[in-house]
Amino acid sequence: MLYKRVITPKKIFLPIGNISKMNLKIYWPIFLVMLDTICFAQTHVPDTTFTIYSVFKKEVKKRPYIEIAYASDTINISTKRGVVYSKTSDRNLYLDITIPKKSSRKKRPVVLFVFGGGWSSGNRSQNIPLAQEMAKNDIIGITVDYRLSTEALYPIAVYDLKNAIRWIKSNEKKYAIDTNKIAICGFSAGGQLAALVSTTGNLPLFEKEKINNYSSNVQALIDVDGVLSFVHPESQEKGSDTSHSSAAAKWLGYSYSENKKLWDQASPLTYASSQSVPTLFINSSIPRFHGGRDDFINILEQNKIKTETIEIPDTPHPFWLFHPWFDQVSKTIVVFINQTFQ
């Protein structure tokens, strides 16, 4: 059963008065969020609880050496922002596509980036730097919207992301896309969603509200600190047995004790099989964000499916947003894509 939630507007603080003194390396993501709000505003009021800047303010107190990541040397790539990929009854859903400016007769692979934020917050602009790094390496990078728990509950976000994949396939000629080389990459809650999308291709339960008849299958998965099982002891999503306070419970619409079957149904580990795709895990050293990962890996290895795990020590959960880890994350993804799709 699906529910709609009342959207509560969030305050957005923008230090406009000091704009001339800003360090743009730190503050540019604020303007990306503002641009989305101004240019693409409809009835949906975004939840800005999770932003790059809010996380930076928290983490820099513990790690004063970190910097918000941005892509350098972007002169040879181009980002087309605000492309509508799906028109829902509530609002349009957008994506941003970053491609190399140099034309190529050879079709290029794609990485579809899914932002995190506890299924309730976040913004596709957070992953534009990674999309740009992909394009610098002759890989098309796409960042994407999906409906959050403040708008619609599980499994609507899954439908949205599958439609983004269908949009990619329907635009293969326009952007010279190799539709046999599509990877989905998600971060935190986005990692869980990416894993669920990758393991449920053509499964009727998740194949609804389709924008066209293209398959939603992908050929590779990159999961960055996204849980693989809501019910795994390591994930800590269950909280107290009757609690609705966890991010997962708010997205699923039920506490674990109220609907254990649904919690299992929404777990990517449930669908891991011989049909799963090559998978890269990039993780912090925080166990709760690995929930179900080792079991997932075991299934892949039993079926001789390519899998790789990179665990970066002494990192905060959203490490991929910041230097000094951003470059390692982007390079690891590029190497994995090139090796998998060679």
C-alpha atoms as a PDB file:
ATOM      1  CA  MET A   1       0.000   0.000   0.000  1.00  0.00           C
ATOM      2  CA  LEU A   2       1.281   3.473  -0.897  1.00  0.00           C
ATOM      3  CA  TYR A   3       0.738   6.644   1.090  1.00  0.00           C
ATOM      4  CA  LYS A   4       1.260  10.320   0.380  1.00  0.00           C
ATOM      5  CA  ARG A   5       2.832  12.453   3.062  1.00  0.00           C
ATOM      6  CA  VAL A   6       2.274  16.138   3.715  1.00  0.00           C
ATOM      7  CA  ILE A   7       5.337  18.080   2.589  1.00  0.00           C
ATOM      8  CA  THR A   8       6.786  20.338   5.266  1.00  0.00           C
ATOM      9  CA  PRO A   9       8.816  23.244   3.857  1.00  0.00           C
ATOM     10  CA  LYS A  10      12.375  23.440   5.136  1.00  0.00           C
ATOM     11  CA  LYS A  11      14.356  26.613   5.701  1.00  0.00           C
ATOM     12  CA  ILE A  12      17.218  27.197   3.291  1.00  0.00           C
ATOM     13  CA  PHE A  13      19.953  29.517   4.569  1.00  0.00           C
ATOM     14  CA  LEU A  14      21.990  31.197   1.845  1.00  0.00           C
ATOM     15  CA  PRO A  15      24.644  33.715   2.953  1.00  0.00           C
ATOM     16  CA  ILE A  16      23.959  36.004  -0.002  1.00  0.00           C
ATOM     17  CA  GLY A  17      25.299  39.079   1.759  1.00  0.00           C
ATOM     18  CA  ASN A  18      28.811  37.655   1.845  1.00  0.00           C
ATOM     19  CA  ILE A  19      28.822  36.169  -1.629  1.00  0.00           C
ATOM     20  CA  SER A  20      31.837  38.166  -2.805  1.00  0.00           C
ATOM     21  CA  LYS A  21      33.928  36.727   0.014  1.00  0.00           C
ATOM     22  CA  MET A  22      32.919  33.127  -0.444  1.00  0.00           C
ATOM     23  CA  ASN A  23      35.335  30.328  -1.090  1.00  0.00           C
ATOM     24  CA  LEU A  24      33.597  28.829  -4.104  1.00  0.00           C
ATOM     25  CA  LYS A  25      35.345  25.507  -3.626  1.00  0.00           C
ATOM     26  CA  ILE A  26      33.314  25.118  -0.458  1.00  0.00           C
ATOM     27  CA  TYR A  27      30.048  26.878  -1.237  1.00  0.00           C
ATOM     28  CA  TRP A  28      29.273  26.109  -4.873  1.00  0.00           C
ATOM     29  CA  PRO A  29      26.953  23.134  -4.046  1.00  0.00           C
ATOM     30  CA  ILE A  30      24.617  25.553  -2.232  1.00  0.00           C
ATOM     31  CA  PHE A  31      24.011  27.354  -5.493  1.00  0.00           C
ATOM     32  CA  LEU A  32      23.339  24.100  -7.337  1.00  0.00           C
ATOM     33  CA  VAL A  33      20.600  23.324  -4.833  1.00  0.00           C
ATOM     34  CA  MET A  34      19.245  26.872  -5.157  1.00  0.00           C
ATOM     35  CA  LEU A  35      19.281  26.582  -8.952  1.00  0.00           C
ATOM     36  CA  ASP A  36      17.184  23.424  -8.800  1.00  0.00           C
ATOM     37  CA  THR A  37      14.744  25.085  -6.427  1.00  0.00           C
ATOM     38  CA  ILE A  38      14.344  28.199  -8.575  1.00  0.00           C
ATOM     39  CA  CYS A  39      14.483  26.744 -12.078  1.00  0.00           C
ATOM     40  CA  PHE A  40      12.565  23.530 -11.542  1.00  0.00           C
ATOM     41  CA  ALA A  41      10.206  24.375  -8.706  1.00  0.00           C
ATOM     42  CA  GLN A  42       6.701  22.951  -8.910  1.00  0.00           C
ATOM     43  CA  THR A  43       4.389  21.954  -6.092  1.00  0.00           C
ATOM     44  CA  HIS A  44       7.156  19.875  -4.538  1.00  0.00           C
ATOM     45  CA  VAL A  45       9.089  21.617  -1.759  1.00  0.00           C
ATOM     46  CA  PRO A  46      12.418  19.823  -1.312  1.00  0.00           C
ATOM     47  CA  ASP A  47      13.584  18.523   2.055  1.00  0.00           C
ATOM     48  CA  THR A  48      16.990  20.137   2.539  1.00  0.00           C
ATOM     49  CA  THR A  49      17.906  18.280   5.727  1.00  0.00           C
ATOM     50  CA  PHE A  50      20.781  16.540   3.952  1.00  0.00           C
ATOM     51  CA  THR A  51      23.011  18.827   1.899  1.00  0.00           C
ATOM     52  CA  ILE A  52      26.703  18.824   1.119  1.00  0.00           C
ATOM     53  CA  TYR A  53      27.127  22.011   3.134  1.00  0.00           C
ATOM     54  CA  SER A  54      25.286  20.723   6.224  1.00  0.00           C
ATOM     55  CA  VAL A  55      27.400  17.569   6.256  1.00  0.00           C
ATOM     56  CA  PHE A  56      30.561  19.579   5.680  1.00  0.00           C
ATOM     57  CA  LYS A  57      29.850  21.842   8.676  1.00  0.00           C
ATOM     58  CA  LYS A  58      29.432  18.764  10.848  1.00  0.00           C
ATOM     59  CA  GLU A  59      32.405  16.762   9.592  1.00  0.00           C
ATOM     60  CA  VAL A  60      34.958  19.576   9.309  1.00  0.00           C
ATOM     61  CA  LYS A  61      34.882  19.945  13.099  1.00  0.00           C
ATOM     62  CA  LYS A  62      36.305  16.425  13.401  1.00  0.00           C
ATOM     63  CA  ARG A  63      38.410  16.496  10.228  1.00  0.00           C
ATOM     64  CA  PRO A  64      39.546  20.080   9.530  1.00  0.00           C
ATOM     65  CA  TYR A  65      41.510  18.939   6.467  1.00  0.00           C
ATOM     66  CA  ILE A  66      38.474  17.993   4.365  1.00  0.00           C
ATOM     67  CA  GLU A  67      37.213  20.043   1.419  1.00  0.00           C
ATOM     68  CA  ILE A  68      34.013  19.801  -0.572  1.00  0.00           C
ATOM     69  CA  ALA A  69      34.850  18.022  -3.802  1.00  0.00           C
ATOM     70  CA  TYR A  70      34.422  19.488  -7.224  1.00  0.00           C
ATOM     71  CA  ALA A  71      35.631  18.369 -10.645  1.00  0.00           C
ATOM     72  CA  SER A  72      38.605  20.183 -12.142  1.00  0.00           C
ATOM     73  CA  ASP A  73      39.486  20.683 -15.814  1.00  0.00           C
ATOM     74  CA  THR A  74      35.928  20.506 -17.122  1.00  0.00           C
ATOM     75  CA  ILE A  75      36.621  22.450 -20.319  1.00  0.00           C
ATOM     76  CA  ASN A  76      36.241  19.369 -22.535  1.00  0.00           C
ATOM     77  CA  ILE A  77      32.932  18.173 -21.122  1.00  0.00           C
ATOM     78  CA  SER A  78      29.397  19.519 -21.159  1.00  0.00           C
ATOM     79  CA  THR A  79      26.546  19.173 -18.664  1.00  0.00           C
ATOM     80  CA  LYS A  80      22.956  19.490 -19.814  1.00  0.00           C
ATOM     81  CA  ARG A  81      20.837  20.233 -16.764  1.00  0.00           C
ATOM     82  CA  GLY A  82      17.155  19.838 -16.026  1.00  0.00           C
ATOM     83  CA  VAL A  83      16.193  17.258 -18.649  1.00  0.00           C
ATOM     84  CA  VAL A  84      12.707  15.859 -17.974  1.00  0.00           C
ATOM     85  CA  TYR A  85      12.793  12.070 -18.014  1.00  0.00           C
ATOM     86  CA  SER A  86       9.377  11.367 -16.475  1.00  0.00           C
ATOM     87  CA  LYS A  87       6.151  13.304 -15.953  1.00  0.00           C
ATOM     88  CA  THR A  88       4.303  12.013 -12.910  1.00  0.00           C
ATOM     89  CA  SER A  89       0.901  13.113 -11.654  1.00  0.00           C
ATOM     90  CA  ASP A  90       2.651  15.211  -8.999  1.00  0.00           C
ATOM     91  CA  ARG A  91       5.639  16.746 -10.756  1.00  0.00           C
ATOM     92  CA  ASN A  92       8.259  16.336 -13.428  1.00  0.00           C
ATOM     93  CA  LEU A  93      11.371  14.325 -12.651  1.00  0.00           C
ATOM     94  CA  TYR A  94      14.682  15.601 -13.965  1.00  0.00           C
ATOM     95  CA  LEU A  95      18.141  14.381 -14.739  1.00  0.00           C
ATOM     96  CA  ASP A  96      21.428  16.046 -15.628  1.00  0.00           C
ATOM     97  CA  ILE A  97      23.589  14.443 -18.303  1.00  0.00           C
ATOM     98  CA  THR A  98      27.319  15.085 -18.634  1.00  0.00           C
ATOM     99  CA  ILE A  99      29.091  14.052 -21.824  1.00  0.00           C
ATOM    100  CA  PRO A 100      32.479  14.590 -23.475  1.00  0.00           C
ATOM    101  CA  LYS A 101      32.404  17.461 -25.973  1.00  0.00           C
ATOM    102  CA  LYS A 102      34.466  15.458 -28.434  1.00  0.00           C
ATOM    103  CA  SER A 103      32.218  13.415 -30.691  1.00  0.00           C
ATOM    104  CA  SER A 104      32.867   9.718 -31.092  1.00  0.00           C
ATOM    105  CA  ARG A 105      31.697   7.080 -33.520  1.00  0.00           C
ATOM    106  CA  LYS A 106      32.012   4.587 -30.707  1.00  0.00           C
ATOM    107  CA  LYS A 107      29.094   4.406 -28.303  1.00  0.00           C
ATOM    108  CA  ARG A 108      29.903   5.193 -24.698  1.00  0.00           C
ATOM    109  CA  PRO A 109      29.021   3.466 -21.411  1.00  0.00           C
ATOM    110  CA  VAL A 110      26.806   5.234 -18.877  1.00  0.00           C
ATOM    111  CA  VAL A 111      26.885   5.555 -15.100  1.00  0.00           C
ATOM    112  CA  LEU A 112      23.564   6.593 -13.547  1.00  0.00           C
ATOM    113  CA  PHE A 113      24.208   8.256 -10.169  1.00  0.00           C
ATOM    114  CA  VAL A 114      21.604   7.989  -7.385  1.00  0.00           C
ATOM    115  CA  PHE A 115      21.996  10.445  -4.496  1.00  0.00           C
ATOM    116  CA  GLY A 116      21.500   9.554  -0.838  1.00  0.00           C
ATOM    117  CA  GLY A 117      19.761  11.251   2.068  1.00  0.00           C
ATOM    118  CA  GLY A 118      17.807   8.665   4.022  1.00  0.00           C
ATOM    119  CA  TRP A 119      15.180   8.291   1.252  1.00  0.00           C
ATOM    120  CA  SER A 120      13.773  11.649   2.379  1.00  0.00           C
ATOM    121  CA  SER A 121      16.351  14.265   1.427  1.00  0.00           C
ATOM    122  CA  GLY A 122      19.275  14.933  -0.885  1.00  0.00           C
ATOM    123  CA  ASN A 123      19.640  16.345  -4.371  1.00  0.00           C
ATOM    124  CA  ARG A 124      20.871  15.082  -7.714  1.00  0.00           C
ATOM    125  CA  SER A 125      23.312  18.014  -7.938  1.00  0.00           C
ATOM    126  CA  GLN A 126      25.392  16.404  -5.188  1.00  0.00           C
ATOM    127  CA  ASN A 127      26.772  13.918  -7.691  1.00  0.00           C
ATOM    128  CA  ILE A 128      27.517  16.243 -10.606  1.00  0.00           C
ATOM    129  CA  PRO A 129      31.269  16.321  -9.775  1.00  0.00           C
ATOM    130  CA  LEU A 130      31.407  12.530 -10.116  1.00  0.00           C
ATOM    131  CA  ALA A 131      29.395  12.651 -13.339  1.00  0.00           C
ATOM    132  CA  GLN A 132      31.907  15.177 -14.648  1.00  0.00           C
ATOM    133  CA  GLU A 133      34.813  12.930 -13.718  1.00  0.00           C
ATOM    134  CA  MET A 134      33.152  10.129 -15.675  1.00  0.00           C
ATOM    135  CA  ALA A 135      32.810  12.322 -18.767  1.00  0.00           C
ATOM    136  CA  LYS A 136      36.478  13.285 -18.537  1.00  0.00           C
ATOM    137  CA  ASN A 137      37.160   9.556 -18.897  1.00  0.00           C
ATOM    138  CA  ASP A 138      34.875   9.036 -21.911  1.00  0.00           C
ATOM    139  CA  ILE A 139      31.984   7.721 -19.803  1.00  0.00           C
ATOM    140  CA  ILE A 140      28.589   9.423 -19.805  1.00  0.00           C
ATOM    141  CA  GLY A 141      27.581  10.515 -16.299  1.00  0.00           C
ATOM    142  CA  ILE A 142      23.930  11.058 -15.387  1.00  0.00           C
ATOM    143  CA  THR A 143      22.532  12.342 -12.091  1.00  0.00           C
ATOM    144  CA  VAL A 144      18.869  11.759 -11.441  1.00  0.00           C
ATOM    145  CA  ASP A 145      15.836  12.815  -9.390  1.00  0.00           C
ATOM    146  CA  TYR A 146      13.489  10.365  -7.728  1.00  0.00           C
ATOM    147  CA  ARG A 147      10.497  10.846  -5.467  1.00  0.00           C
ATOM    148  CA  LEU A 148      11.378  10.837  -1.785  1.00  0.00           C
ATOM    149  CA  SER A 149       9.496   9.574   1.256  1.00  0.00           C
ATOM    150  CA  THR A 150       8.114  13.087   1.824  1.00  0.00           C
ATOM    151  CA  GLU A 151       6.251  12.644  -1.484  1.00  0.00           C
ATOM    152  CA  ALA A 152       5.562   8.933  -1.916  1.00  0.00           C
ATOM    153  CA  LEU A 153       6.534   5.762  -0.123  1.00  0.00           C
ATOM    154  CA  TYR A 154       8.271   2.597  -1.278  1.00  0.00           C
ATOM    155  CA  PRO A 155       8.427   1.388  -4.033  1.00  0.00           C
ATOM    156  CA  ILE A 156       7.774   4.607  -5.991  1.00  0.00           C
ATOM    157  CA  ALA A 157      11.456   5.613  -5.971  1.00  0.00           C
ATOM    158  CA  VAL A 158      12.297   2.264  -7.562  1.00  0.00           C
ATOM    159  CA  TYR A 159       9.771   2.890 -10.341  1.00  0.00           C
ATOM    160  CA  ASP A 160      11.323   6.307 -10.938  1.00  0.00           C
ATOM    161  CA  LEU A 161      14.877   5.008 -11.229  1.00  0.00           C
ATOM    162  CA  LYS A 162      13.824   2.233 -13.566  1.00  0.00           C
ATOM    163  CA  ASN A 163      12.170   4.871 -15.730  1.00  0.00           C
ATOM    164  CA  ALA A 164      15.431   6.810 -15.779  1.00  0.00           C
ATOM    165  CA  ILE A 165      17.074   3.693 -17.197  1.00  0.00           C
ATOM    166  CA  ARG A 166      14.324   3.423 -19.807  1.00  0.00           C
ATOM    167  CA  TRP A 167      14.891   7.070 -20.734  1.00  0.00           C
ATOM    168  CA  ILE A 168      18.605   6.383 -21.174  1.00  0.00           C
ATOM    169  CA  LYS A 169      17.875   3.495 -23.520  1.00  0.00           C
ATOM    170  CA  SER A 170      15.335   5.488 -25.510  1.00  0.00           C
ATOM    171  CA  ASN A 171      17.945   8.216 -26.084  1.00  0.00           C
ATOM    172  CA  GLU A 172      20.821   6.004 -27.157  1.00  0.00           C
ATOM    173  CA  LYS A 173      21.129   7.592 -30.609  1.00  0.00           C
ATOM    174  CA  LYS A 174      20.946  11.182 -29.389  1.00  0.00           C
ATOM    175  CA  TYR A 175      23.784  10.738 -26.897  1.00  0.00           C
ATOM    176  CA  ALA A 176      25.681   7.820 -28.510  1.00  0.00           C
ATOM    177  CA  ILE A 177      24.916   5.528 -25.564  1.00  0.00           C
ATOM    178  CA  ASP A 178      25.930   1.881 -25.452  1.00  0.00           C
ATOM    179  CA  THR A 179      22.796   0.375 -23.927  1.00  0.00           C
ATOM    180  CA  ASN A 180      24.679  -2.836 -23.146  1.00  0.00           C
ATOM    181  CA  LYS A 181      27.009  -0.904 -20.859  1.00  0.00           C
ATOM    182  CA  ILE A 182      24.818   0.824 -18.283  1.00  0.00           C
ATOM    183  CA  ALA A 183      25.894   0.917 -14.638  1.00  0.00           C
ATOM    184  CA  ILE A 184      23.907   2.260 -11.718  1.00  0.00           C
ATOM    185  CA  CYS A 185      25.820   3.820  -8.824  1.00  0.00           C
ATOM    186  CA  GLY A 186      24.184   4.855  -5.560  1.00  0.00           C
ATOM    187  CA  PHE A 187      25.287   6.416  -2.299  1.00  0.00           C
ATOM    188  CA  SER A 188      23.876   5.503   1.135  1.00  0.00           C
ATOM    189  CA  ALA A 189      20.081   5.310   0.636  1.00  0.00           C
ATOM    190  CA  GLY A 190      20.820   5.733  -3.055  1.00  0.00           C
ATOM    191  CA  GLY A 191      23.114   2.712  -2.833  1.00  0.00           C
ATOM    192  CA  GLN A 192      20.284   0.610  -1.446  1.00  0.00           C
ATOM    193  CA  LEU A 193      18.048   1.823  -4.278  1.00  0.00           C
ATOM    194  CA  ALA A 194      20.699   1.174  -6.913  1.00  0.00           C
ATOM    195  CA  ALA A 195      21.206  -2.355  -5.607  1.00  0.00           C
ATOM    196  CA  LEU A 196      17.457  -2.995  -5.579  1.00  0.00           C
ATOM    197  CA  VAL A 197      17.103  -1.719  -9.147  1.00  0.00           C
ATOM    198  CA  SER A 198      20.016  -3.856 -10.336  1.00  0.00           C
ATOM    199  CA  THR A 199      18.650  -7.061  -8.788  1.00  0.00           C
ATOM    200  CA  THR A 200      15.009  -6.699  -9.874  1.00  0.00           C
ATOM    201  CA  GLY A 201      15.227  -6.164 -13.626  1.00  0.00           C
ATOM    202  CA  ASN A 202      11.934  -7.211 -15.256  1.00  0.00           C
ATOM    203  CA  LEU A 203      10.479  -8.380 -11.933  1.00  0.00           C
ATOM    204  CA  PRO A 204       6.743  -7.503 -12.226  1.00  0.00           C
ATOM    205  CA  LEU A 205       6.519  -6.216  -8.646  1.00  0.00           C
ATOM    206  CA  PHE A 206       8.860  -3.353  -9.540  1.00  0.00           C
ATOM    207  CA  GLU A 207       7.918  -2.818 -13.186  1.00  0.00           C
ATOM    208  CA  LYS A 208       5.029  -0.369 -12.841  1.00  0.00           C
ATOM    209  CA  GLU A 209       4.342   3.206 -13.999  1.00  0.00           C
ATOM    210  CA  LYS A 210       6.584   2.581 -17.030  1.00  0.00           C
ATOM    211  CA  ILE A 211       7.244   5.502 -19.388  1.00  0.00           C
ATOM    212  CA  ASN A 212       8.046   3.161 -22.293  1.00  0.00           C
ATOM    213  CA  ASN A 213       8.624  -0.509 -23.026  1.00  0.00           C
ATOM    214  CA  TYR A 214      12.397  -0.579 -22.741  1.00  0.00           C
ATOM    215  CA  SER A 215      13.918  -2.976 -20.227  1.00  0.00           C
ATOM    216  CA  SER A 216      15.054  -1.630 -16.859  1.00  0.00           C
ATOM    217  CA  ASN A 217      18.030  -4.002 -16.755  1.00  0.00           C
ATOM    218  CA  VAL A 218      21.502  -2.653 -16.032  1.00  0.00           C
ATOM    219  CA  GLN A 219      24.837  -4.372 -16.548  1.00  0.00           C
ATOM    220  CA  ALA A 220      26.776  -3.276 -13.461  1.00  0.00           C
ATOM    221  CA  LEU A 221      26.232  -2.011  -9.912  1.00  0.00           C
ATOM    222  CA  ILE A 222      28.322   0.306  -7.758  1.00  0.00           C
ATOM    223  CA  ASP A 223      27.085   0.498  -4.168  1.00  0.00           C
ATOM    224  CA  VAL A 224      28.711   3.169  -2.010  1.00  0.00           C
ATOM    225  CA  ASP A 225      27.777   2.614   1.652  1.00  0.00           C
ATOM    226  CA  GLY A 226      24.242   1.457   0.851  1.00  0.00           C
ATOM    227  CA  VAL A 227      22.716  -1.332   2.940  1.00  0.00           C
ATOM    228  CA  LEU A 228      21.841  -4.582   1.182  1.00  0.00           C
ATOM    229  CA  SER A 229      19.367  -5.788   3.778  1.00  0.00           C
ATOM    230  CA  PHE A 230      17.085  -3.835   6.085  1.00  0.00           C
ATOM    231  CA  VAL A 231      16.720  -6.866   8.343  1.00  0.00           C
ATOM    232  CA  HIS A 232      20.413  -7.707   8.658  1.00  0.00           C
ATOM    233  CA  PRO A 233      21.763  -7.284  12.229  1.00  0.00           C
ATOM    234  CA  GLU A 234      24.482  -4.899  11.023  1.00  0.00           C
ATOM    235  CA  SER A 235      22.132  -2.473   9.281  1.00  0.00           C
ATOM    236  CA  GLN A 236      20.529  -1.131  12.498  1.00  0.00           C
ATOM    237  CA  GLU A 237      17.553   0.112  10.488  1.00  0.00           C
ATOM    238  CA  LYS A 238      14.959  -1.771  12.528  1.00  0.00           C
ATOM    239  CA  GLY A 239      15.419   0.428  15.584  1.00  0.00           C
ATOM    240  CA  SER A 240      13.059  -0.412  18.418  1.00  0.00           C
ATOM    241  CA  ASP A 241      10.593  -3.077  17.375  1.00  0.00           C
ATOM    242  CA  THR A 242       7.612  -0.720  17.118  1.00  0.00           C
ATOM    243  CA  SER A 243       9.458   2.460  16.117  1.00  0.00           C
ATOM    244  CA  HIS A 244       8.591   4.579  13.100  1.00  0.00           C
ATOM    245  CA  SER A 245      11.572   6.845  13.751  1.00  0.00           C
ATOM    246  CA  SER A 246      14.127   5.230  11.459  1.00  0.00           C
ATOM    247  CA  ALA A 247      14.600   6.549   7.936  1.00  0.00           C
ATOM    248  CA  ALA A 248      13.762   3.118   6.552  1.00  0.00           C
ATOM    249  CA  ALA A 249      10.477   2.916   8.478  1.00  0.00           C
ATOM    250  CA  LYS A 250       9.461   6.348   7.221  1.00  0.00           C
ATOM    251  CA  TRP A 251      10.152   5.291   3.638  1.00  0.00           C
ATOM    252  CA  LEU A 252       8.558   1.864   3.912  1.00  0.00           C
ATOM    253  CA  GLY A 253       5.529   3.163   5.809  1.00  0.00           C
ATOM    254  CA  TYR A 254       5.696   0.477   8.502  1.00  0.00           C
ATOM    255  CA  SER A 255       7.908  -0.423  11.426  1.00  0.00           C
ATOM    256  CA  TYR A 256       9.671  -3.768  11.208  1.00  0.00           C
ATOM    257  CA  SER A 257       7.270  -5.406  13.660  1.00  0.00           C
ATOM    258  CA  GLU A 258       4.260  -4.201  11.659  1.00  0.00           C
ATOM    259  CA  ASN A 259       5.385  -5.569   8.300  1.00  0.00           C
ATOM    260  CA  LYS A 260       8.455  -7.811   8.355  1.00  0.00           C
ATOM    261  CA  LYS A 261       7.640  -9.125   4.890  1.00  0.00           C
ATOM    262  CA  LEU A 262       7.806  -5.646   3.363  1.00  0.00           C
ATOM    263  CA  TRP A 263      11.164  -4.930   4.994  1.00  0.00           C
ATOM    264  CA  ASP A 264      12.521  -8.116   3.472  1.00  0.00           C
ATOM    265  CA  GLN A 265      10.888  -7.346   0.120  1.00  0.00           C
ATOM    266  CA  ALA A 266      12.675  -3.978  -0.067  1.00  0.00           C
ATOM    267  CA  SER A 267      16.083  -5.545   0.660  1.00  0.00           C
ATOM    268  CA  PRO A 268      18.319  -6.096  -2.392  1.00  0.00           C
ATOM    269  CA  LEU A 269      19.872  -9.166  -0.756  1.00  0.00           C
ATOM    270  CA  THR A 270      16.514 -10.926  -1.174  1.00  0.00           C
ATOM    271  CA  TYR A 271      16.992 -10.921  -4.953  1.00  0.00           C
ATOM    272  CA  ALA A 272      20.727 -11.620  -5.279  1.00  0.00           C
ATOM    273  CA  SER A 273      21.162 -14.596  -7.601  1.00  0.00           C
ATOM    274  CA  SER A 274      22.944 -16.032 -10.617  1.00  0.00           C
ATOM    275  CA  GLN A 275      21.301 -13.220 -12.611  1.00  0.00           C
ATOM    276  CA  SER A 276      22.967 -10.462 -10.587  1.00  0.00           C
ATOM    277  CA  VAL A 277      25.416  -8.112 -12.292  1.00  0.00           C
ATOM    278  CA  PRO A 278      29.107  -7.354 -11.665  1.00  0.00           C
ATOM    279  CA  THR A 279      29.264  -5.312  -8.479  1.00  0.00           C
ATOM    280  CA  LEU A 280      31.662  -2.875  -6.860  1.00  0.00           C
ATOM    281  CA  PHE A 281      31.293  -1.973  -3.186  1.00  0.00           C
ATOM    282  CA  ILE A 282      32.975   1.179  -1.898  1.00  0.00           C
ATOM    283  CA  ASN A 283      32.552   1.484   1.840  1.00  0.00           C
ATOM    284  CA  SER A 284      33.451   3.471   4.899  1.00  0.00           C
ATOM    285  CA  SER A 285      34.590   1.483   7.907  1.00  0.00           C
ATOM    286  CA  ILE A 286      31.205   1.959   9.624  1.00  0.00           C
ATOM    287  CA  PRO A 287      29.570  -1.512   9.896  1.00  0.00           C
ATOM    288  CA  ARG A 288      25.933  -0.351   9.805  1.00  0.00           C
ATOM    289  CA  PHE A 289      26.336   0.755   6.184  1.00  0.00           C
ATOM    290  CA  HIS A 290      27.571  -2.701   5.174  1.00  0.00           C
ATOM    291  CA  GLY A 291      24.458  -4.574   6.317  1.00  0.00           C
ATOM    292  CA  GLY A 292      24.043  -7.662   4.110  1.00  0.00           C
ATOM    293  CA  ARG A 293      27.099  -6.882   1.969  1.00  0.00           C
ATOM    294  CA  ASP A 294      29.108  -9.985   2.831  1.00  0.00           C
ATOM    295  CA  ASP A 295      26.117 -12.266   2.225  1.00  0.00           C
ATOM    296  CA  PHE A 296      25.544 -10.521  -1.111  1.00  0.00           C
ATOM    297  CA  ILE A 297      29.199 -11.023  -2.051  1.00  0.00           C
ATOM    298  CA  ASN A 298      29.003 -14.721  -1.170  1.00  0.00           C
ATOM    299  CA  ILE A 299      26.099 -15.193  -3.583  1.00  0.00           C
ATOM    300  CA  LEU A 300      27.988 -13.402  -6.354  1.00  0.00           C
ATOM    301  CA  GLU A 301      31.127 -15.446  -5.757  1.00  0.00           C
ATOM    302  CA  GLN A 302      29.167 -18.704  -5.724  1.00  0.00           C
ATOM    303  CA  ASN A 303      27.835 -17.770  -9.152  1.00  0.00           C
ATOM    304  CA  LYS A 304      31.247 -16.595 -10.426  1.00  0.00           C
ATOM    305  CA  ILE A 305      30.042 -13.008 -10.879  1.00  0.00           C
ATOM    306  CA  LYS A 306      32.657 -10.258 -10.730  1.00  0.00           C
ATOM    307  CA  THR A 307      32.713  -8.481  -7.377  1.00  0.00           C
ATOM    308  CA  GLU A 308      35.145  -6.078  -5.771  1.00  0.00           C
ATOM    309  CA  THR A 309      35.169  -4.364  -2.381  1.00  0.00           C
ATOM    310  CA  ILE A 310      37.067  -1.226  -1.401  1.00  0.00           C
ATOM    311  CA  GLU A 311      36.827  -0.261   2.268  1.00  0.00           C
ATOM    312  CA  ILE A 312      38.363   3.103   3.120  1.00  0.00           C
ATOM    313  CA  PRO A 313      39.466   3.374   6.777  1.00  0.00           C
ATOM    314  CA  ASP A 314      38.771   6.320   9.060  1.00  0.00           C
ATOM    315  CA  THR A 315      36.141   7.937   6.865  1.00  0.00           C
ATOM    316  CA  PRO A 316      32.833   9.633   7.661  1.00  0.00           C
ATOM    317  CA  HIS A 317      29.763   8.100   6.070  1.00  0.00           C
ATOM    318  CA  PRO A 318      29.436  10.641   3.211  1.00  0.00           C
ATOM    319  CA  PHE A 319      33.155  10.453   2.404  1.00  0.00           C
ATOM    320  CA  TRP A 320      32.517  10.476  -1.358  1.00  0.00           C
ATOM    321  CA  LEU A 321      31.479  14.143  -1.201  1.00  0.00           C
ATOM    322  CA  PHE A 322      34.831  15.356   0.074  1.00  0.00           C
ATOM    323  CA  HIS A 323      38.535  15.536  -0.589  1.00  0.00           C
ATOM    324  CA  PRO A 324      40.780  13.695   0.187  1.00  0.00           C
ATOM    325  CA  TRP A 325      38.550  10.702  -0.735  1.00  0.00           C
ATOM    326  CA  PHE A 326      36.723  11.989  -3.811  1.00  0.00           C
ATOM    327  CA  ASP A 327      39.557  11.278  -6.240  1.00  0.00           C
ATOM    328  CA  GLN A 328      39.966   7.717  -4.983  1.00  0.00           C
ATOM    329  CA  VAL A 329      36.235   7.082  -5.356  1.00  0.00           C
ATOM    330  CA  SER A 330      36.039   8.499  -8.884  1.00  0.00           C
ATOM    331  CA  LYS A 331      39.155   6.667 -10.075  1.00  0.00           C
ATOM    332  CA  THR A 332      37.941   3.393  -8.567  1.00  0.00           C
ATOM    333  CA  ILE A 333      34.624   3.722 -10.396  1.00  0.00           C
ATOM    334  CA  VAL A 334      36.332   4.526 -13.709  1.00  0.00           C
ATOM    335  CA  VAL A 335      38.664   1.522 -13.434  1.00  0.00           C
ATOM    336  CA  PHE A 336      35.764  -0.774 -12.532  1.00  0.00           C
ATOM    337  CA  ILE A 337      33.669   0.459 -15.474  1.00  0.00           C
ATOM    338  CA  ASN A 338      36.529   0.083 -17.941  1.00  0.00           C
ATOM    339  CA  GLN A 339      37.402  -3.411 -16.725  1.00  0.00           C
ATOM    340  CA  THR A 340      33.792  -4.584 -16.596  1.00  0.00           C
ATOM    341  CA  PHE A 341      32.806  -3.172 -19.980  1.00  0.00           C
ATOM    342  CA  GLN A 342      36.033  -3.800 -21.901  1.00  0.00           C
END
